[in-house]
Protein backbone atom coordinates (compact mmCIF):
# COMPACT_ATOMS: atom_id res chain seq x y z
CA UNK A 1 -12.29 47.25 -114.07
CA UNK A 2 -10.87 46.75 -110.91
CA UNK A 3 -9.08 49.53 -109.18
CA UNK A 4 -5.67 48.81 -107.97
CA UNK A 5 -5.84 51.94 -105.46
CA UNK A 6 -8.90 50.14 -103.96
CA UNK A 7 -7.57 46.78 -104.21
CA UNK A 8 -4.53 48.35 -101.95
CA UNK A 9 -6.93 49.68 -99.00
CA UNK A 10 -8.90 46.51 -98.93
CA UNK A 11 -5.56 43.96 -98.47
CA UNK A 12 -3.71 46.67 -95.59
CA UNK A 13 -7.34 46.92 -93.63
CA UNK A 14 -6.71 42.73 -93.49
CA UNK A 15 -4.49 41.83 -90.31
CA UNK A 16 -1.97 39.34 -91.21
CA UNK A 17 -1.85 35.95 -89.56
CA UNK A 18 0.71 35.25 -87.41
CA UNK A 19 3.22 32.78 -87.93
CA UNK A 20 3.07 29.02 -86.76
CA UNK A 21 6.63 29.78 -84.87
CA UNK A 22 5.23 33.02 -83.17
CA UNK A 23 2.14 31.27 -82.49
CA UNK A 24 3.59 28.32 -80.56
CA UNK A 25 6.27 30.88 -78.60
CA UNK A 26 2.98 32.69 -77.14
CA UNK A 27 1.37 29.23 -76.14
CA UNK A 28 5.08 28.26 -74.88
CA UNK A 29 5.57 31.64 -73.03
CA UNK A 30 1.96 31.22 -70.76
CA UNK A 31 2.85 27.90 -70.05
CA UNK A 32 5.79 29.28 -68.59
CA UNK A 33 4.08 31.85 -66.82
CA UNK A 34 1.25 29.32 -65.52
CA UNK A 35 3.85 27.05 -64.06
CA UNK A 36 5.83 29.59 -62.12
CA UNK A 37 2.25 30.77 -60.62
CA UNK A 38 1.65 27.25 -59.62
CA UNK A 39 4.78 26.96 -58.03
CA UNK A 40 4.60 29.73 -56.17
CA UNK A 41 0.85 28.79 -54.70
CA UNK A 42 2.27 25.20 -53.86
CA UNK A 43 5.23 26.46 -52.24
CA UNK A 44 3.58 29.71 -50.49
CA UNK A 45 0.02 29.23 -49.80
CA UNK A 46 -0.74 25.37 -49.92
CA UNK A 47 2.18 24.62 -47.47
CA UNK A 48 2.46 27.39 -45.63
CA UNK A 49 4.46 30.81 -44.93
CA UNK A 50 7.85 30.90 -46.07
CA UNK A 51 10.49 30.29 -43.23
CA UNK A 52 7.83 29.10 -40.74
CA UNK A 53 6.42 25.90 -40.28
CA UNK A 54 3.26 24.44 -42.13
CA UNK A 55 1.90 23.03 -38.50
CA UNK A 56 3.17 24.72 -34.76
CA UNK A 57 1.58 22.74 -32.04
CA UNK A 58 1.62 23.14 -28.18
CA UNK A 59 4.00 20.49 -26.05
CA UNK A 60 1.07 20.82 -23.93
CA UNK A 61 -0.93 17.76 -24.52
CA UNK A 62 -4.19 16.26 -22.73
CA UNK A 63 -5.28 12.87 -22.67
CA UNK A 64 -9.17 12.08 -22.42
CA UNK A 65 -11.86 9.92 -22.76
CA UNK A 66 -13.33 10.89 -26.00
CA UNK A 67 -17.02 9.49 -27.33
CA UNK A 68 -15.64 6.18 -26.27
CA UNK A 69 -12.02 6.61 -27.78
CA UNK A 70 -8.85 6.82 -25.80
CA UNK A 71 -7.35 9.91 -27.29
CA UNK A 72 -4.79 12.75 -27.11
CA UNK A 73 -5.53 16.24 -27.12
CA UNK A 74 -3.20 18.89 -28.72
CA UNK A 75 -3.79 22.62 -29.33
CA UNK A 76 -1.86 23.78 -32.91
CA UNK A 77 -1.83 26.55 -35.78
CA UNK A 78 -2.06 25.04 -39.18
CA UNK A 79 -0.65 27.24 -41.73
CA UNK A 80 -1.50 24.83 -44.63
CA UNK A 81 -3.89 26.91 -46.41
CA UNK A 82 -4.59 30.38 -48.03
CA UNK A 83 -5.21 31.27 -44.22
CA UNK A 84 -4.00 30.09 -41.21
CA UNK A 85 -6.09 28.42 -38.51
CA UNK A 86 -6.08 27.92 -34.65
CA UNK A 87 -6.73 24.53 -33.89
CA UNK A 88 -7.76 22.40 -30.85
CA UNK A 89 -7.76 18.80 -31.84
CA UNK A 90 -8.83 15.31 -30.34
CA UNK A 91 -6.94 12.35 -31.82
CA UNK A 92 -7.66 8.67 -31.02
CA UNK A 93 -4.41 7.26 -29.96
CA UNK A 94 -4.75 3.65 -31.31
CA UNK A 95 -5.93 4.78 -34.93
CA UNK A 96 -4.64 8.34 -35.25
CA UNK A 97 -8.11 8.79 -36.16
CA UNK A 98 -9.41 12.93 -36.11
CA UNK A 99 -12.56 12.72 -33.53
CA UNK A 100 -13.20 16.55 -33.61
CA UNK A 101 -11.23 19.46 -34.29
CA UNK A 102 -12.44 22.87 -32.94
CA UNK A 103 -11.12 26.30 -34.70
CA UNK A 104 -10.15 28.60 -31.66
CA UNK A 105 -9.08 32.08 -33.04
CA UNK A 106 -6.70 32.70 -29.73
CA UNK A 107 -4.77 29.23 -29.47
CA UNK A 108 -1.60 29.14 -30.18
CA UNK A 109 1.51 27.08 -29.98
CA UNK A 110 2.09 28.41 -26.34
CA UNK A 111 -1.42 27.27 -25.44
CA UNK A 112 -1.60 25.15 -22.54
CA UNK A 113 -4.16 22.60 -21.08
CA UNK A 114 -5.08 23.28 -17.69
CA UNK A 115 -7.63 20.93 -17.06
CA UNK A 116 -9.40 17.62 -18.25
CA UNK A 117 -13.03 16.84 -16.46
CA UNK A 118 -15.65 14.53 -17.17
CA UNK A 119 -17.42 16.75 -19.80
CA UNK A 120 -14.94 19.59 -20.64
CA UNK A 121 -11.58 20.14 -21.18
CA UNK A 122 -10.16 23.38 -20.31
CA UNK A 123 -7.35 25.59 -22.28
CA UNK A 124 -5.38 28.43 -22.29
CA UNK A 125 -5.20 30.90 -25.14
CA UNK A 126 -4.01 34.52 -25.18
CA UNK A 127 -4.87 36.06 -21.84
CA UNK A 128 -8.16 33.62 -21.67
CA UNK A 129 -9.67 30.44 -21.02
CA UNK A 130 -11.77 28.25 -23.10
CA UNK A 131 -14.01 24.92 -22.35
CA UNK A 132 -15.04 22.11 -24.97
CA UNK A 133 -17.14 19.49 -24.64
CA UNK A 134 -14.82 16.42 -24.60
CA UNK A 135 -17.42 14.37 -26.77
CA UNK A 136 -18.07 16.95 -29.51
CA UNK A 137 -15.62 19.58 -29.59
CA UNK A 138 -18.31 22.62 -29.49
CA UNK A 139 -16.75 25.50 -27.66
CA UNK A 140 -18.74 26.29 -24.11
CA UNK A 141 -20.74 29.53 -24.73
CA UNK A 142 -18.69 30.03 -28.06
CA UNK A 143 -16.19 32.41 -26.63
CA UNK A 144 -13.56 32.20 -23.69
CA UNK A 145 -14.77 32.08 -19.92
CA UNK A 146 -15.65 35.16 -18.11
CA UNK A 147 -12.76 35.79 -16.15
CA UNK A 148 -12.62 39.79 -15.47
CA UNK A 149 -9.42 41.64 -15.75
CA UNK A 150 -7.19 38.64 -17.63
CA UNK A 151 -3.85 40.08 -19.09
CA UNK A 152 -0.44 39.04 -19.59
CA UNK A 153 0.65 38.16 -15.92
CA UNK A 154 -2.36 36.15 -15.22
CA UNK A 155 -2.26 32.41 -14.77
CA UNK A 156 -4.73 29.73 -14.45
CA UNK A 157 -3.68 26.46 -12.38
CA UNK A 158 -5.86 23.53 -11.28
CA UNK A 159 -6.02 23.17 -7.77
CA UNK A 160 -6.79 19.46 -7.38
CA UNK A 161 -7.82 19.77 -3.14
CA UNK A 162 -10.63 22.25 -4.42
CA UNK A 163 -11.29 20.81 -7.52
CA UNK A 164 -11.49 24.26 -9.55
CA UNK A 165 -9.57 26.41 -12.32
CA UNK A 166 -8.11 29.38 -10.16
CA UNK A 167 -7.28 32.73 -12.26
CA UNK A 168 -5.13 35.14 -10.96
CA UNK A 169 -2.14 37.40 -11.18
CA UNK A 170 1.44 35.76 -11.24
CA UNK A 171 3.80 36.80 -8.00
CA UNK A 172 4.85 39.90 -9.72
CA UNK A 173 1.34 41.55 -9.04
CA UNK A 174 0.12 39.86 -6.45
CA UNK A 175 -2.93 42.17 -5.37
CA UNK A 176 -5.37 41.44 -8.15
CA UNK A 177 -8.30 39.07 -6.99
CA UNK A 178 -8.17 35.44 -7.76
CA UNK A 179 -11.31 34.20 -9.35
CA UNK A 180 -12.06 30.21 -10.06
CA UNK A 181 -14.19 28.00 -12.36
CA UNK A 182 -15.34 24.76 -10.83
CA UNK A 183 -14.32 21.38 -12.97
CA UNK A 184 -16.52 20.94 -15.18
CA UNK A 185 -18.44 24.15 -15.11
CA UNK A 186 -18.34 27.18 -16.84
CA UNK A 187 -19.68 29.63 -14.42
CA UNK A 188 -17.26 32.56 -13.08
CA UNK A 189 -16.51 33.13 -9.32
CA UNK A 190 -14.31 34.98 -6.72
CA UNK A 191 -12.18 32.60 -4.54
CA UNK A 192 -12.36 32.37 -1.00
CA UNK A 193 -9.24 32.70 1.40
CA UNK A 194 -8.75 28.98 1.50
CA UNK A 195 -8.85 28.94 -2.21
CA UNK A 196 -6.76 31.99 -2.57
CA UNK A 197 -4.09 30.89 -0.52
CA UNK A 198 -3.94 27.44 -2.39
CA UNK A 199 -3.26 29.40 -5.86
CA UNK A 200 -0.29 31.55 -4.30
CA UNK A 201 1.01 28.28 -2.95
CA UNK A 202 0.94 26.39 -6.43
CA UNK A 203 2.78 29.70 -8.06
CA UNK A 204 5.65 29.30 -5.73
CA UNK A 205 8.11 26.71 -6.35
CA UNK A 206 8.94 25.99 -2.61
CA UNK A 207 5.33 25.84 -1.65
CA UNK A 208 4.19 23.83 -4.15
CA UNK A 209 6.90 20.97 -3.61
CA UNK A 210 7.13 18.62 -6.33
CA UNK A 211 3.67 19.50 -7.95
CA UNK A 212 4.07 20.82 -11.60
CA UNK A 213 4.66 24.03 -12.47
CA UNK A 214 0.95 25.60 -13.74
CA UNK A 215 3.00 27.97 -15.93
CA UNK A 216 4.95 25.14 -17.95
CA UNK A 217 4.45 25.29 -21.55
CA UNK A 218 6.51 21.85 -22.30
CA UNK A 219 5.25 19.77 -19.45
CA UNK A 220 6.85 16.64 -21.62
CA UNK A 221 5.18 13.62 -23.14
CA UNK A 222 1.56 12.45 -21.61
CA UNK A 223 1.23 8.74 -20.80
CA UNK A 224 -1.84 6.42 -21.21
CA UNK A 225 -3.12 2.92 -19.79
CA UNK A 226 -0.31 0.52 -21.02
CA UNK A 227 2.52 2.77 -21.21
CA UNK A 228 1.96 4.56 -24.39
CA UNK A 229 3.45 7.81 -24.50
CA UNK A 230 2.77 10.66 -26.94
CA UNK A 231 4.91 13.88 -27.63
CA UNK A 232 4.82 16.44 -30.16
CA UNK A 233 7.69 16.31 -32.42
CA UNK A 234 9.40 18.37 -35.42
CA UNK A 235 9.36 16.58 -39.28
CA UNK A 236 11.50 17.92 -41.45
CA UNK A 237 10.31 18.25 -45.17
CA UNK A 238 13.62 18.51 -47.78
CA UNK A 239 11.78 17.36 -50.98
CA UNK A 240 10.55 20.17 -52.15
CA UNK A 241 9.81 21.68 -55.59
CA UNK A 242 12.89 23.17 -57.00
CA UNK A 243 11.86 26.87 -57.06
CA UNK A 244 11.54 26.69 -53.17
CA UNK A 245 14.40 28.89 -53.04
CA UNK A 246 12.55 31.64 -54.21
CA UNK A 247 9.82 32.16 -52.08
CA UNK A 248 10.82 30.60 -48.61
CA UNK A 249 13.75 27.88 -48.78
CA UNK A 250 15.11 24.81 -49.23
CA UNK A 251 12.94 22.85 -46.27
CA UNK A 252 10.16 23.03 -44.26
CA UNK A 253 8.98 21.72 -40.86
CA UNK A 254 5.61 20.64 -39.33
CA UNK A 255 4.94 19.54 -35.96
CA UNK A 256 3.31 16.11 -35.65
CA UNK A 257 2.49 13.57 -32.65
CA UNK A 258 4.87 10.81 -31.92
CA UNK A 259 3.43 7.90 -30.07
CA UNK A 260 5.40 5.49 -28.91
CA UNK A 261 3.97 1.92 -27.51
CA UNK A 262 5.20 0.17 -24.26
CA UNK A 263 7.52 -2.35 -26.72
CA UNK A 264 9.13 0.67 -28.27
CA UNK A 265 7.19 0.56 -31.58
CA UNK A 266 6.40 4.45 -32.49
CA UNK A 267 3.63 5.93 -35.10
CA UNK A 268 3.16 9.78 -36.21
CA UNK A 269 0.05 11.22 -36.08
CA UNK A 270 -0.06 14.05 -38.76
CA UNK A 271 -1.60 17.19 -38.10
CA UNK A 272 -2.70 20.32 -40.42
CA UNK A 273 -4.78 20.41 -43.77
CA UNK A 274 -2.01 19.09 -46.10
CA UNK A 275 -1.13 16.31 -43.99
CA UNK A 276 -5.10 14.84 -44.01
CA UNK A 277 -6.19 15.14 -40.97
CA UNK A 278 -5.22 12.22 -38.00
CA UNK A 279 -3.48 10.09 -40.86
CA UNK A 280 -0.69 7.79 -39.51
CA UNK A 281 2.68 7.77 -41.08
């Protein structure tokens, strides 16, 4: 004979199966959480930080012959990913192809291209100067050039008569010595009296006359052969996911390169990982 008390104990120990409605509810809840997390990752991590641009590019551009291509050089910060990247890139002017991109941690949207030689291009970053190989983008020496005592008041200027890049203090702190590096070289040396005087003149608006200001971070578009111009423009993205307001606003911006031909037609080079390097719009 069966024992009723024992049967009651066994039935109590067996867990009851969840109803179909409960299972469906749990699945829907998990899917909703996953979708919300995916939306946050898409809006926050992939395009860039909330409230800021996806790509912030320096308006100081340079043109050069890079591995047989007519190219434009640009320094920019790419926020299109979990971690930002500071880059110097070379893009083909005709196709928009990325020829090379070099990570240079200290470059920013206020960096300047100081000079372009036959072998190296020189770009400022934070308080230093970097030389990159024009054909490969390789960073000469793997770090900034060896200028000593560089600080917030240091200015870098190319002196065409001496064919050197000179570094020294602004007029507000004019007693520090001037240092130089010859174009297409990387060794830093002290400047002679004539070079020091030429450097001081380059910083003085009256003395330099109509020559460009070496501290100008927005010198305007560059013009290549055939009348083609290149400038940095801001592109606004208004078509964002509905959850964008949760993590950063209703739109984003990204700096791009606008190429205008002599006939007025134009193309845009999209910068950054999220835009596929060098893709023409």
